[in-house]
Amino acid sequence: MKKTLKELKNKSSTELSSKAKDLEAKLFKVRFQKTTGQLADVSSIWRLRKELAQVKTLLTQQKGSV
C-alpha cells in the first residue's frame, strides 16, 4: 500500500479527481454485486474504500496548499 500512496502523491489534482470518480464507480459496482450475491471477494469493498479515502485526502491536501 505504501507504494500506491507514493504514486498517488505524485499525481496532479485532475488525475486524482478522475481516479476518485473511477474508484467511486468501481465501489458502486462491487456493492451492487454484493447485494445480488455475485461477489466472491468481499474484502475488495474495504480495499476500494481505503484507496478512495486516500485519494480524497490527497485532493484535500492539495487544495489547501494551493
N, C-alpha and C. Protein backbone atom coordinates (compact mmCIF):
# COMPACT_ATOMS: atom_id res chain seq x y z
N MET A 1 0.81 -1.21 0.00
CA MET A 1 0.00 0.00 0.00
C MET A 1 0.85 1.27 0.00
N LYS A 2 2.01 1.23 0.63
CA LYS A 2 2.84 2.42 0.68
C LYS A 2 3.28 2.82 -0.72
N LYS A 3 3.55 1.85 -1.56
CA LYS A 3 3.96 2.14 -2.92
C LYS A 3 2.83 2.87 -3.66
N THR A 4 1.64 2.44 -3.46
CA THR A 4 0.49 3.07 -4.11
C THR A 4 0.33 4.51 -3.62
N LEU A 5 0.50 4.73 -2.34
CA LEU A 5 0.35 6.07 -1.78
C LEU A 5 1.42 7.00 -2.33
N LYS A 6 2.65 6.50 -2.47
CA LYS A 6 3.72 7.33 -3.04
C LYS A 6 3.40 7.69 -4.49
N GLU A 7 2.85 6.73 -5.22
CA GLU A 7 2.48 7.00 -6.61
C GLU A 7 1.36 8.04 -6.68
N LEU A 8 0.42 7.95 -5.76
CA LEU A 8 -0.71 8.89 -5.76
C LEU A 8 -0.25 10.30 -5.43
N LYS A 9 0.74 10.43 -4.55
CA LYS A 9 1.21 11.75 -4.16
C LYS A 9 1.84 12.51 -5.33
N ASN A 10 2.35 11.78 -6.30
CA ASN A 10 2.99 12.42 -7.45
C ASN A 10 2.02 12.83 -8.54
N LYS A 11 0.74 12.51 -8.39
CA LYS A 11 -0.24 12.83 -9.42
C LYS A 11 -0.81 14.23 -9.21
N SER A 12 -1.28 14.79 -10.30
CA SER A 12 -1.89 16.12 -10.24
C SER A 12 -3.32 16.00 -9.70
N SER A 13 -3.92 17.14 -9.41
CA SER A 13 -5.27 17.13 -8.85
C SER A 13 -6.30 16.63 -9.86
N THR A 14 -6.09 16.91 -11.15
CA THR A 14 -7.04 16.42 -12.15
C THR A 14 -6.96 14.89 -12.27
N GLU A 15 -5.73 14.36 -12.19
CA GLU A 15 -5.57 12.91 -12.23
C GLU A 15 -6.20 12.26 -11.01
N LEU A 16 -6.03 12.90 -9.86
CA LEU A 16 -6.63 12.37 -8.63
C LEU A 16 -8.15 12.43 -8.69
N SER A 17 -8.68 13.49 -9.28
CA SER A 17 -10.14 13.61 -9.41
C SER A 17 -10.71 12.50 -10.28
N SER A 18 -10.04 12.24 -11.39
CA SER A 18 -10.52 11.17 -12.27
C SER A 18 -10.37 9.81 -11.60
N LYS A 19 -9.30 9.63 -10.83
CA LYS A 19 -9.09 8.38 -10.09
C LYS A 19 -10.20 8.20 -9.05
N ALA A 20 -10.58 9.28 -8.38
CA ALA A 20 -11.65 9.21 -7.39
C ALA A 20 -12.98 8.82 -8.04
N LYS A 21 -13.26 9.39 -9.20
CA LYS A 21 -14.50 9.05 -9.90
C LYS A 21 -14.50 7.58 -10.32
N ASP A 22 -13.35 7.11 -10.80
CA ASP A 22 -13.24 5.69 -11.18
C ASP A 22 -13.45 4.78 -9.98
N LEU A 23 -12.84 5.13 -8.86
CA LEU A 23 -12.98 4.31 -7.65
C LEU A 23 -14.42 4.31 -7.15
N GLU A 24 -15.09 5.45 -7.23
CA GLU A 24 -16.49 5.52 -6.80
C GLU A 24 -17.36 4.63 -7.68
N ALA A 25 -17.07 4.62 -8.98
CA ALA A 25 -17.82 3.76 -9.90
C ALA A 25 -17.57 2.29 -9.62
N LYS A 26 -16.31 1.94 -9.36
CA LYS A 26 -15.97 0.55 -9.04
C LYS A 26 -16.63 0.13 -7.73
N LEU A 27 -16.62 1.03 -6.75
CA LEU A 27 -17.23 0.72 -5.46
C LEU A 27 -18.72 0.49 -5.61
N PHE A 28 -19.39 1.30 -6.42
CA PHE A 28 -20.81 1.11 -6.67
C PHE A 28 -21.07 -0.26 -7.29
N LYS A 29 -20.25 -0.59 -8.29
CA LYS A 29 -20.40 -1.87 -8.98
C LYS A 29 -20.19 -3.05 -8.03
N VAL A 30 -19.17 -2.94 -7.18
CA VAL A 30 -18.87 -4.03 -6.24
C VAL A 30 -19.98 -4.16 -5.20
N ARG A 31 -20.49 -3.04 -4.72
CA ARG A 31 -21.60 -3.09 -3.75
C ARG A 31 -22.84 -3.73 -4.38
N PHE A 32 -23.09 -3.41 -5.64
CA PHE A 32 -24.22 -3.99 -6.35
C PHE A 32 -24.03 -5.50 -6.48
N GLN A 33 -22.81 -5.93 -6.80
CA GLN A 33 -22.52 -7.36 -6.91
C GLN A 33 -22.71 -8.06 -5.57
N LYS A 34 -22.33 -7.39 -4.49
CA LYS A 34 -22.50 -7.99 -3.15
C LYS A 34 -23.98 -8.18 -2.85
N THR A 35 -24.78 -7.19 -3.19
CA THR A 35 -26.21 -7.26 -2.93
C THR A 35 -26.87 -8.39 -3.71
N THR A 36 -26.43 -8.58 -4.94
CA THR A 36 -27.03 -9.63 -5.77
C THR A 36 -26.41 -11.00 -5.53
N GLY A 37 -25.38 -11.05 -4.67
CA GLY A 37 -24.77 -12.33 -4.33
C GLY A 37 -23.75 -12.81 -5.34
N GLN A 38 -23.25 -11.94 -6.20
CA GLN A 38 -22.29 -12.33 -7.22
C GLN A 38 -20.85 -12.04 -6.82
N LEU A 39 -20.63 -11.41 -5.68
CA LEU A 39 -19.29 -11.02 -5.27
C LEU A 39 -18.64 -12.13 -4.46
N ALA A 40 -17.47 -12.57 -4.93
CA ALA A 40 -16.75 -13.65 -4.24
C ALA A 40 -15.79 -13.07 -3.20
N ASP A 41 -15.16 -11.95 -3.51
CA ASP A 41 -14.16 -11.35 -2.62
C ASP A 41 -14.75 -10.12 -1.93
N VAL A 42 -15.30 -10.31 -0.75
CA VAL A 42 -15.97 -9.23 -0.04
C VAL A 42 -14.96 -8.19 0.45
N SER A 43 -13.71 -8.59 0.65
CA SER A 43 -12.71 -7.65 1.15
C SER A 43 -12.36 -6.58 0.11
N SER A 44 -12.76 -6.77 -1.12
CA SER A 44 -12.47 -5.76 -2.15
C SER A 44 -13.21 -4.45 -1.84
N ILE A 45 -14.34 -4.54 -1.16
CA ILE A 45 -15.07 -3.33 -0.77
C ILE A 45 -14.22 -2.50 0.18
N TRP A 46 -13.61 -3.17 1.16
CA TRP A 46 -12.77 -2.49 2.13
C TRP A 46 -11.57 -1.84 1.44
N ARG A 47 -10.93 -2.56 0.52
CA ARG A 47 -9.76 -2.03 -0.17
C ARG A 47 -10.11 -0.82 -1.04
N LEU A 48 -11.24 -0.89 -1.73
CA LEU A 48 -11.67 0.23 -2.56
C LEU A 48 -11.99 1.47 -1.72
N ARG A 49 -12.65 1.25 -0.59
CA ARG A 49 -12.98 2.37 0.30
C ARG A 49 -11.72 3.03 0.84
N LYS A 50 -10.74 2.21 1.18
CA LYS A 50 -9.48 2.74 1.72
C LYS A 50 -8.75 3.55 0.66
N GLU A 51 -8.66 3.03 -0.54
CA GLU A 51 -7.96 3.75 -1.60
C GLU A 51 -8.70 5.04 -1.96
N LEU A 52 -10.02 4.99 -1.98
CA LEU A 52 -10.81 6.19 -2.26
C LEU A 52 -10.57 7.26 -1.18
N ALA A 53 -10.50 6.84 0.06
CA ALA A 53 -10.25 7.77 1.15
C ALA A 53 -8.86 8.40 1.01
N GLN A 54 -7.88 7.62 0.60
CA GLN A 54 -6.54 8.15 0.41
C GLN A 54 -6.52 9.19 -0.71
N VAL A 55 -7.20 8.90 -1.80
CA VAL A 55 -7.25 9.83 -2.92
C VAL A 55 -7.95 11.13 -2.51
N LYS A 56 -9.06 11.01 -1.81
CA LYS A 56 -9.78 12.21 -1.39
C LYS A 56 -8.97 13.03 -0.38
N THR A 57 -8.22 12.36 0.49
CA THR A 57 -7.37 13.06 1.43
C THR A 57 -6.29 13.83 0.71
N LEU A 58 -5.67 13.21 -0.28
CA LEU A 58 -4.63 13.90 -1.05
C LEU A 58 -5.20 15.09 -1.82
N LEU A 59 -6.41 14.93 -2.35
CA LEU A 59 -7.06 16.05 -3.05
C LEU A 59 -7.29 17.22 -2.10
N THR A 60 -7.74 16.93 -0.90
CA THR A 60 -7.99 17.97 0.09
C THR A 60 -6.68 18.65 0.48
N GLN A 61 -5.62 17.88 0.64
CA GLN A 61 -4.32 18.44 0.99
C GLN A 61 -3.80 19.34 -0.13
N GLN A 62 -3.98 18.92 -1.37
CA GLN A 62 -3.51 19.73 -2.49
C GLN A 62 -4.30 21.02 -2.61
N LYS A 63 -5.59 20.98 -2.34
CA LYS A 63 -6.40 22.20 -2.42
C LYS A 63 -6.00 23.17 -1.33
N GLY A 64 -5.61 22.65 -0.18
CA GLY A 64 -5.20 23.50 0.92
C GLY A 64 -3.84 24.15 0.72
N SER A 65 -2.99 23.50 -0.02
CA SER A 65 -1.63 24.01 -0.21
C SER A 65 -1.53 24.98 -1.38
N VAL A 66 -2.56 25.06 -2.21
CA VAL A 66 -2.52 25.93 -3.39
C VAL A 66 -2.84 27.34 -3.02
